[in-house]
Amino acid sequence: MEEIKNFFMKYRGAIIGALIAILILCTGFYKLMIAIILICIGLYVGNYIQINKNEVKEKMKNFIDKL
C-alpha cells in the first residue's frame, strides 16, 4: 500500500495531466485550443514582421535569391 501511495505522490502531476488530456480529447475542446494556438502564432509572426520589417525583407530577398 505504501508503494502505491509513493507512486501517486511522485507522479501526481503526470496523472492529473493525463486526466485533463483525456477530458479535452473526449469533449473536442482540443480543436478550439489548436485554433487559439494558431491565432497566437499568427499574431506573434505578424508583430515580429512589423517590428523587424527591414530585416525580414533582407532575409526574404536572400532566400528567394538562393532559389
PDB file of N, CA and C in Angstrom:
ATOM      1  N   MET A   1       0.823  -1.192   0.000  1.00  0.00           N
ATOM      2  CA  MET A   1       0.000   0.000   0.000  1.00  0.00           C
ATOM      3  C   MET A   1       0.867   1.256   0.000  1.00  0.00           C
ATOM      4  N   GLU A   2       1.987   1.165   0.702  1.00  0.00           N
ATOM      5  CA  GLU A   2       2.895   2.313   0.774  1.00  0.00           C
ATOM      6  C   GLU A   2       3.513   2.610  -0.594  1.00  0.00           C
ATOM      7  N   GLU A   3       3.778   1.552  -1.372  1.00  0.00           N
ATOM      8  CA  GLU A   3       4.357   1.737  -2.702  1.00  0.00           C
ATOM      9  C   GLU A   3       3.393   2.469  -3.628  1.00  0.00           C
ATOM     10  N   ILE A   4       2.122   2.124  -3.540  1.00  0.00           N
ATOM     11  CA  ILE A   4       1.112   2.784  -4.371  1.00  0.00           C
ATOM     12  C   ILE A   4       1.006   4.253  -3.991  1.00  0.00           C
ATOM     13  N   LYS A   5       1.027   4.528  -2.703  1.00  0.00           N
ATOM     14  CA  LYS A   5       0.952   5.911  -2.226  1.00  0.00           C
ATOM     15  C   LYS A   5       2.157   6.708  -2.717  1.00  0.00           C
ATOM     16  N   ASN A   6       3.342   6.122  -2.635  1.00  0.00           N
ATOM     17  CA  ASN A   6       4.545   6.803  -3.112  1.00  0.00           C
ATOM     18  C   ASN A   6       4.490   7.047  -4.617  1.00  0.00           C
ATOM     19  N   PHE A   7       3.952   6.063  -5.358  1.00  0.00           N
ATOM     20  CA  PHE A   7       3.816   6.216  -6.802  1.00  0.00           C
ATOM     21  C   PHE A   7       2.923   7.409  -7.131  1.00  0.00           C
ATOM     22  N   PHE A   8       1.764   7.493  -6.475  1.00  0.00           N
ATOM     23  CA  PHE A   8       0.842   8.599  -6.733  1.00  0.00           C
ATOM     24  C   PHE A   8       1.425   9.932  -6.290  1.00  0.00           C
ATOM     25  N   MET A   9       2.165   9.948  -5.209  1.00  0.00           N
ATOM     26  CA  MET A   9       2.783  11.188  -4.749  1.00  0.00           C
ATOM     27  C   MET A   9       3.874  11.642  -5.725  1.00  0.00           C
ATOM     28  N   LYS A  10       4.616  10.694  -6.269  1.00  0.00           N
ATOM     29  CA  LYS A  10       5.716  11.023  -7.165  1.00  0.00           C
ATOM     30  C   LYS A  10       5.217  11.471  -8.538  1.00  0.00           C
ATOM     31  N   TYR A  11       4.172  10.814  -9.040  1.00  0.00           N
ATOM     32  CA  TYR A  11       3.697  11.073 -10.401  1.00  0.00           C
ATOM     33  C   TYR A  11       2.322  11.730 -10.449  1.00  0.00           C
ATOM     34  N   ARG A  12       1.923  12.437  -9.423  1.00  0.00           N
ATOM     35  CA  ARG A  12       0.580  13.019  -9.422  1.00  0.00           C
ATOM     36  C   ARG A  12       0.409  14.077 -10.501  1.00  0.00           C
ATOM     37  N   GLY A  13       1.459  14.839 -10.816  1.00  0.00           N
ATOM     38  CA  GLY A  13       1.365  15.832 -11.886  1.00  0.00           C
ATOM     39  C   GLY A  13       1.099  15.183 -13.228  1.00  0.00           C
ATOM     40  N   ALA A  14       1.793  14.093 -13.497  1.00  0.00           N
ATOM     41  CA  ALA A  14       1.593  13.384 -14.761  1.00  0.00           C
ATOM     42  C   ALA A  14       0.202  12.755 -14.819  1.00  0.00           C
ATOM     43  N   ILE A  15      -0.258  12.237 -13.709  1.00  0.00           N
ATOM     44  CA  ILE A  15      -1.588  11.615 -13.662  1.00  0.00           C
ATOM     45  C   ILE A  15      -2.662  12.667 -13.891  1.00  0.00           C
ATOM     46  N   ILE A  16      -2.535  13.814 -13.233  1.00  0.00           N
ATOM     47  CA  ILE A  16      -3.509  14.895 -13.420  1.00  0.00           C
ATOM     48  C   ILE A  16      -3.464  15.386 -14.865  1.00  0.00           C
ATOM     49  N   GLY A  17      -2.261  15.525 -15.424  1.00  0.00           N
ATOM     50  CA  GLY A  17      -2.131  15.944 -16.820  1.00  0.00           C
ATOM     51  C   GLY A  17      -2.780  14.967 -17.778  1.00  0.00           C
ATOM     52  N   ALA A  18      -2.608  13.680 -17.527  1.00  0.00           N
ATOM     53  CA  ALA A  18      -3.225  12.662 -18.379  1.00  0.00           C
ATOM     54  C   ALA A  18      -4.746  12.716 -18.284  1.00  0.00           C
ATOM     55  N   LEU A  19      -5.268  12.907 -17.091  1.00  0.00           N
ATOM     56  CA  LEU A  19      -6.723  13.008 -16.929  1.00  0.00           C
ATOM     57  C   LEU A  19      -7.273  14.235 -17.649  1.00  0.00           C
ATOM     58  N   ILE A  20      -6.578  15.345 -17.557  1.00  0.00           N
ATOM     59  CA  ILE A  20      -7.016  16.554 -18.257  1.00  0.00           C
ATOM     60  C   ILE A  20      -6.951  16.336 -19.766  1.00  0.00           C
ATOM     61  N   ALA A  21      -5.892  15.673 -20.251  1.00  0.00           N
ATOM     62  CA  ALA A  21      -5.768  15.394 -21.685  1.00  0.00           C
ATOM     63  C   ALA A  21      -6.906  14.503 -22.170  1.00  0.00           C
ATOM     64  N   ILE A  22      -7.249  13.495 -21.401  1.00  0.00           N
ATOM     65  CA  ILE A  22      -8.362  12.611 -21.762  1.00  0.00           C
ATOM     66  C   ILE A  22      -9.666  13.394 -21.804  1.00  0.00           C
ATOM     67  N   LEU A  23      -9.879  14.270 -20.843  1.00  0.00           N
ATOM     68  CA  LEU A  23     -11.089  15.096 -20.808  1.00  0.00           C
ATOM     69  C   LEU A  23     -11.152  16.013 -22.022  1.00  0.00           C
ATOM     70  N   ILE A  24     -10.037  16.630 -22.375  1.00  0.00           N
ATOM     71  CA  ILE A  24     -10.001  17.521 -23.539  1.00  0.00           C
ATOM     72  C   ILE A  24     -10.292  16.741 -24.818  1.00  0.00           C
ATOM     73  N   LEU A  25      -9.711  15.557 -24.959  1.00  0.00           N
ATOM     74  CA  LEU A  25      -9.953  14.756 -26.158  1.00  0.00           C
ATOM     75  C   LEU A  25     -11.402  14.305 -26.252  1.00  0.00           C
ATOM     76  N   CYS A  26     -11.995  13.944 -25.131  1.00  0.00           N
ATOM     77  CA  CYS A  26     -13.377  13.456 -25.141  1.00  0.00           C
ATOM     78  C   CYS A  26     -14.375  14.562 -25.445  1.00  0.00           C
ATOM     79  N   THR A  27     -14.077  15.781 -25.054  1.00  0.00           N
ATOM     80  CA  THR A  27     -15.022  16.875 -25.268  1.00  0.00           C
ATOM     81  C   THR A  27     -14.819  17.583 -26.597  1.00  0.00           C
ATOM     82  N   GLY A  28     -13.715  17.316 -27.290  1.00  0.00           N
ATOM     83  CA  GLY A  28     -13.451  18.001 -28.547  1.00  0.00           C
ATOM     84  C   GLY A  28     -12.926  19.406 -28.345  1.00  0.00           C
ATOM     85  N   PHE A  29     -12.535  19.734 -27.129  1.00  0.00           N
ATOM     86  CA  PHE A  29     -12.035  21.068 -26.796  1.00  0.00           C
ATOM     87  C   PHE A  29     -10.681  21.333 -27.449  1.00  0.00           C
ATOM     88  N   TYR A  30     -10.011  20.242 -27.863  1.00  0.00           N
ATOM     89  CA  TYR A  30      -8.684  20.394 -28.462  1.00  0.00           C
ATOM     90  C   TYR A  30      -8.744  21.175 -29.768  1.00  0.00           C
ATOM     91  N   LYS A  31      -9.861  21.091 -30.489  1.00  0.00           N
ATOM     92  CA  LYS A  31      -9.996  21.835 -31.741  1.00  0.00           C
ATOM     93  C   LYS A  31      -9.943  23.337 -31.480  1.00  0.00           C
ATOM     94  N   LEU A  32     -10.629  23.771 -30.436  1.00  0.00           N
ATOM     95  CA  LEU A  32     -10.607  25.181 -30.068  1.00  0.00           C
ATOM     96  C   LEU A  32      -9.216  25.591 -29.599  1.00  0.00           C
ATOM     97  N   MET A  33      -8.562  24.732 -28.847  1.00  0.00           N
ATOM     98  CA  MET A  33      -7.222  25.048 -28.352  1.00  0.00           C
ATOM     99  C   MET A  33      -6.234  25.174 -29.509  1.00  0.00           C
ATOM    100  N   ILE A  34      -6.341  24.303 -30.504  1.00  0.00           N
ATOM    101  CA  ILE A  34      -5.456  24.383 -31.671  1.00  0.00           C
ATOM    102  C   ILE A  34      -5.703  25.684 -32.419  1.00  0.00           C
ATOM    103  N   ALA A  35      -6.964  26.067 -32.569  1.00  0.00           N
ATOM    104  CA  ALA A  35      -7.285  27.321 -33.250  1.00  0.00           C
ATOM    105  C   ALA A  35      -6.711  28.516 -32.490  1.00  0.00           C
ATOM    106  N   ILE A  36      -6.837  28.518 -31.182  1.00  0.00           N
ATOM    107  CA  ILE A  36      -6.305  29.621 -30.374  1.00  0.00           C
ATOM    108  C   ILE A  36      -4.783  29.679 -30.483  1.00  0.00           C
ATOM    109  N   ILE A  37      -4.133  28.526 -30.468  1.00  0.00           N
ATOM    110  CA  ILE A  37      -2.668  28.493 -30.596  1.00  0.00           C
ATOM    111  C   ILE A  37      -2.239  29.023 -31.962  1.00  0.00           C
ATOM    112  N   LEU A  38      -2.943  28.633 -33.023  1.00  0.00           N
ATOM    113  CA  LEU A  38      -2.604  29.125 -34.362  1.00  0.00           C
ATOM    114  C   LEU A  38      -2.809  30.629 -34.472  1.00  0.00           C
ATOM    115  N   ILE A  39      -3.865  31.146 -33.849  1.00  0.00           N
ATOM    116  CA  ILE A  39      -4.100  32.589 -33.850  1.00  0.00           C
ATOM    117  C   ILE A  39      -2.970  33.312 -33.123  1.00  0.00           C
ATOM    118  N   CYS A  40      -2.547  32.772 -31.989  1.00  0.00           N
ATOM    119  CA  CYS A  40      -1.450  33.389 -31.227  1.00  0.00           C
ATOM    120  C   CYS A  40      -0.149  33.369 -32.022  1.00  0.00           C
ATOM    121  N   ILE A  41       0.120  32.275 -32.721  1.00  0.00           N
ATOM    122  CA  ILE A  41       1.327  32.205 -33.551  1.00  0.00           C
ATOM    123  C   ILE A  41       1.251  33.242 -34.672  1.00  0.00           C
ATOM    124  N   GLY A  42       0.087  33.375 -35.278  1.00  0.00           N
ATOM    125  CA  GLY A  42      -0.094  34.378 -36.325  1.00  0.00           C
ATOM    126  C   GLY A  42       0.104  35.789 -35.806  1.00  0.00           C
ATOM    127  N   LEU A  43      -0.406  36.069 -34.611  1.00  0.00           N
ATOM    128  CA  LEU A  43      -0.206  37.387 -34.005  1.00  0.00           C
ATOM    129  C   LEU A  43       1.270  37.652 -33.749  1.00  0.00           C
ATOM    130  N   TYR A  44       1.965  36.663 -33.235  1.00  0.00           N
ATOM    131  CA  TYR A  44       3.387  36.821 -32.938  1.00  0.00           C
ATOM    132  C   TYR A  44       4.196  37.067 -34.211  1.00  0.00           C
ATOM    133  N   VAL A  45       3.930  36.273 -35.254  1.00  0.00           N
ATOM    134  CA  VAL A  45       4.667  36.428 -36.513  1.00  0.00           C
ATOM    135  C   VAL A  45       4.372  37.788 -37.139  1.00  0.00           C
ATOM    136  N   GLY A  46       3.119  38.190 -37.141  1.00  0.00           N
ATOM    137  CA  GLY A  46       2.762  39.495 -37.692  1.00  0.00           C
ATOM    138  C   GLY A  46       3.427  40.634 -36.947  1.00  0.00           C
ATOM    139  N   ASN A  47       3.455  40.549 -35.633  1.00  0.00           N
ATOM    140  CA  ASN A  47       4.100  41.582 -34.824  1.00  0.00           C
ATOM    141  C   ASN A  47       5.602  41.603 -35.082  1.00  0.00           C
ATOM    142  N   TYR A  48       6.224  40.432 -35.172  1.00  0.00           N
ATOM    143  CA  TYR A  48       7.662  40.347 -35.442  1.00  0.00           C
ATOM    144  C   TYR A  48       7.997  40.972 -36.794  1.00  0.00           C
ATOM    145  N   ILE A  49       7.194  40.661 -37.801  1.00  0.00           N
ATOM    146  CA  ILE A  49       7.440  41.207 -39.141  1.00  0.00           C
ATOM    147  C   ILE A  49       7.265  42.717 -39.137  1.00  0.00           C
ATOM    148  N   GLN A  50       6.269  43.213 -38.430  1.00  0.00           N
ATOM    149  CA  GLN A  50       6.031  44.650 -38.381  1.00  0.00           C
ATOM    150  C   GLN A  50       7.188  45.374 -37.700  1.00  0.00           C
ATOM    151  N   ILE A  51       7.694  44.824 -36.617  1.00  0.00           N
ATOM    152  CA  ILE A  51       8.771  45.475 -35.872  1.00  0.00           C
ATOM    153  C   ILE A  51      10.095  45.376 -36.631  1.00  0.00           C
ATOM    154  N   ASN A  52      10.371  44.237 -37.243  1.00  0.00           N
ATOM    155  CA  ASN A  52      11.648  43.990 -37.927  1.00  0.00           C
ATOM    156  C   ASN A  52      11.463  43.941 -39.444  1.00  0.00           C
ATOM    157  N   LYS A  53      10.757  44.918 -39.971  1.00  0.00           N
ATOM    158  CA  LYS A  53      10.376  44.904 -41.382  1.00  0.00           C
ATOM    159  C   LYS A  53      11.588  44.838 -42.316  1.00  0.00           C
ATOM    160  N   ASN A  54      12.580  45.672 -42.098  1.00  0.00           N
ATOM    161  CA  ASN A  54      13.746  45.702 -42.993  1.00  0.00           C
ATOM    162  C   ASN A  54      14.548  44.412 -42.906  1.00  0.00           C
ATOM    163  N   GLU A  55      14.697  43.899 -41.712  1.00  0.00           N
ATOM    164  CA  GLU A  55      15.446  42.655 -41.520  1.00  0.00           C
ATOM    165  C   GLU A  55      14.744  41.489 -42.219  1.00  0.00           C
ATOM    166  N   VAL A  56      13.418  41.436 -42.106  1.00  0.00           N
ATOM    167  CA  VAL A  56      12.645  40.366 -42.740  1.00  0.00           C
ATOM    168  C   VAL A  56      12.721  40.488 -44.263  1.00  0.00           C
ATOM    169  N   LYS A  57      12.649  41.718 -44.772  1.00  0.00           N
ATOM    170  CA  LYS A  57      12.771  41.916 -46.224  1.00  0.00           C
ATOM    171  C   LYS A  57      14.104  41.393 -46.736  1.00  0.00           C
ATOM    172  N   GLU A  58      15.168  41.702 -46.007  1.00  0.00           N
ATOM    173  CA  GLU A  58      16.503  41.254 -46.422  1.00  0.00           C
ATOM    174  C   GLU A  58      16.606  39.727 -46.394  1.00  0.00           C
ATOM    175  N   LYS A  59      16.073  39.110 -45.341  1.00  0.00           N
ATOM    176  CA  LYS A  59      16.113  37.647 -45.238  1.00  0.00           C
ATOM    177  C   LYS A  59      15.305  36.996 -46.356  1.00  0.00           C
ATOM    178  N   MET A  60      14.126  37.547 -46.657  1.00  0.00           N
ATOM    179  CA  MET A  60      13.297  37.003 -47.733  1.00  0.00           C
ATOM    180  C   MET A  60      13.995  37.156 -49.084  1.00  0.00           C
ATOM    181  N   LYS A  61      14.632  38.315 -49.296  1.00  0.00           N
ATOM    182  CA  LYS A  61      15.344  38.549 -50.554  1.00  0.00           C
ATOM    183  C   LYS A  61      16.475  37.538 -50.712  1.00  0.00           C
ATOM    184  N   ASN A  62      17.242  37.310 -49.663  1.00  0.00           N
ATOM    185  CA  ASN A  62      18.335  36.333 -49.718  1.00  0.00           C
ATOM    186  C   ASN A  62      17.806  34.920 -49.955  1.00  0.00           C
ATOM    187  N   PHE A  63      16.688  34.585 -49.329  1.00  0.00           N
ATOM    188  CA  PHE A  63      16.092  33.261 -49.504  1.00  0.00           C
ATOM    189  C   PHE A  63      15.628  33.057 -50.942  1.00  0.00           C
ATOM    190  N   ILE A  64      14.971  34.067 -51.505  1.00  0.00           N
ATOM    191  CA  ILE A  64      14.471  33.967 -52.879  1.00  0.00           C
ATOM    192  C   ILE A  64      15.635  33.898 -53.863  1.00  0.00           C
ATOM    193  N   ASP A  65      16.700  34.651 -53.591  1.00  0.00           N
ATOM    194  CA  ASP A  65      17.871  34.615 -54.471  1.00  0.00           C
ATOM    195  C   ASP A  65      18.524  33.236 -54.484  1.00  0.00           C
ATOM    196  N   LYS A  66      18.492  32.537 -53.364  1.00  0.00           N
ATOM    197  CA  LYS A  66      19.066  31.194 -53.297  1.00  0.00           C
ATOM    198  C   LYS A  66      18.265  30.204 -54.137  1.00  0.00           C
ATOM    199  N   LEU A  67      16.967  30.447 -54.256  1.00  0.00           N
ATOM    200  CA  LEU A  67      16.133  29.545 -55.051  1.00  0.00           C
ATOM    201  C   LEU A  67      16.388  29.795 -56.512  1.00  0.00           C
TER     202      LEU A  67
END
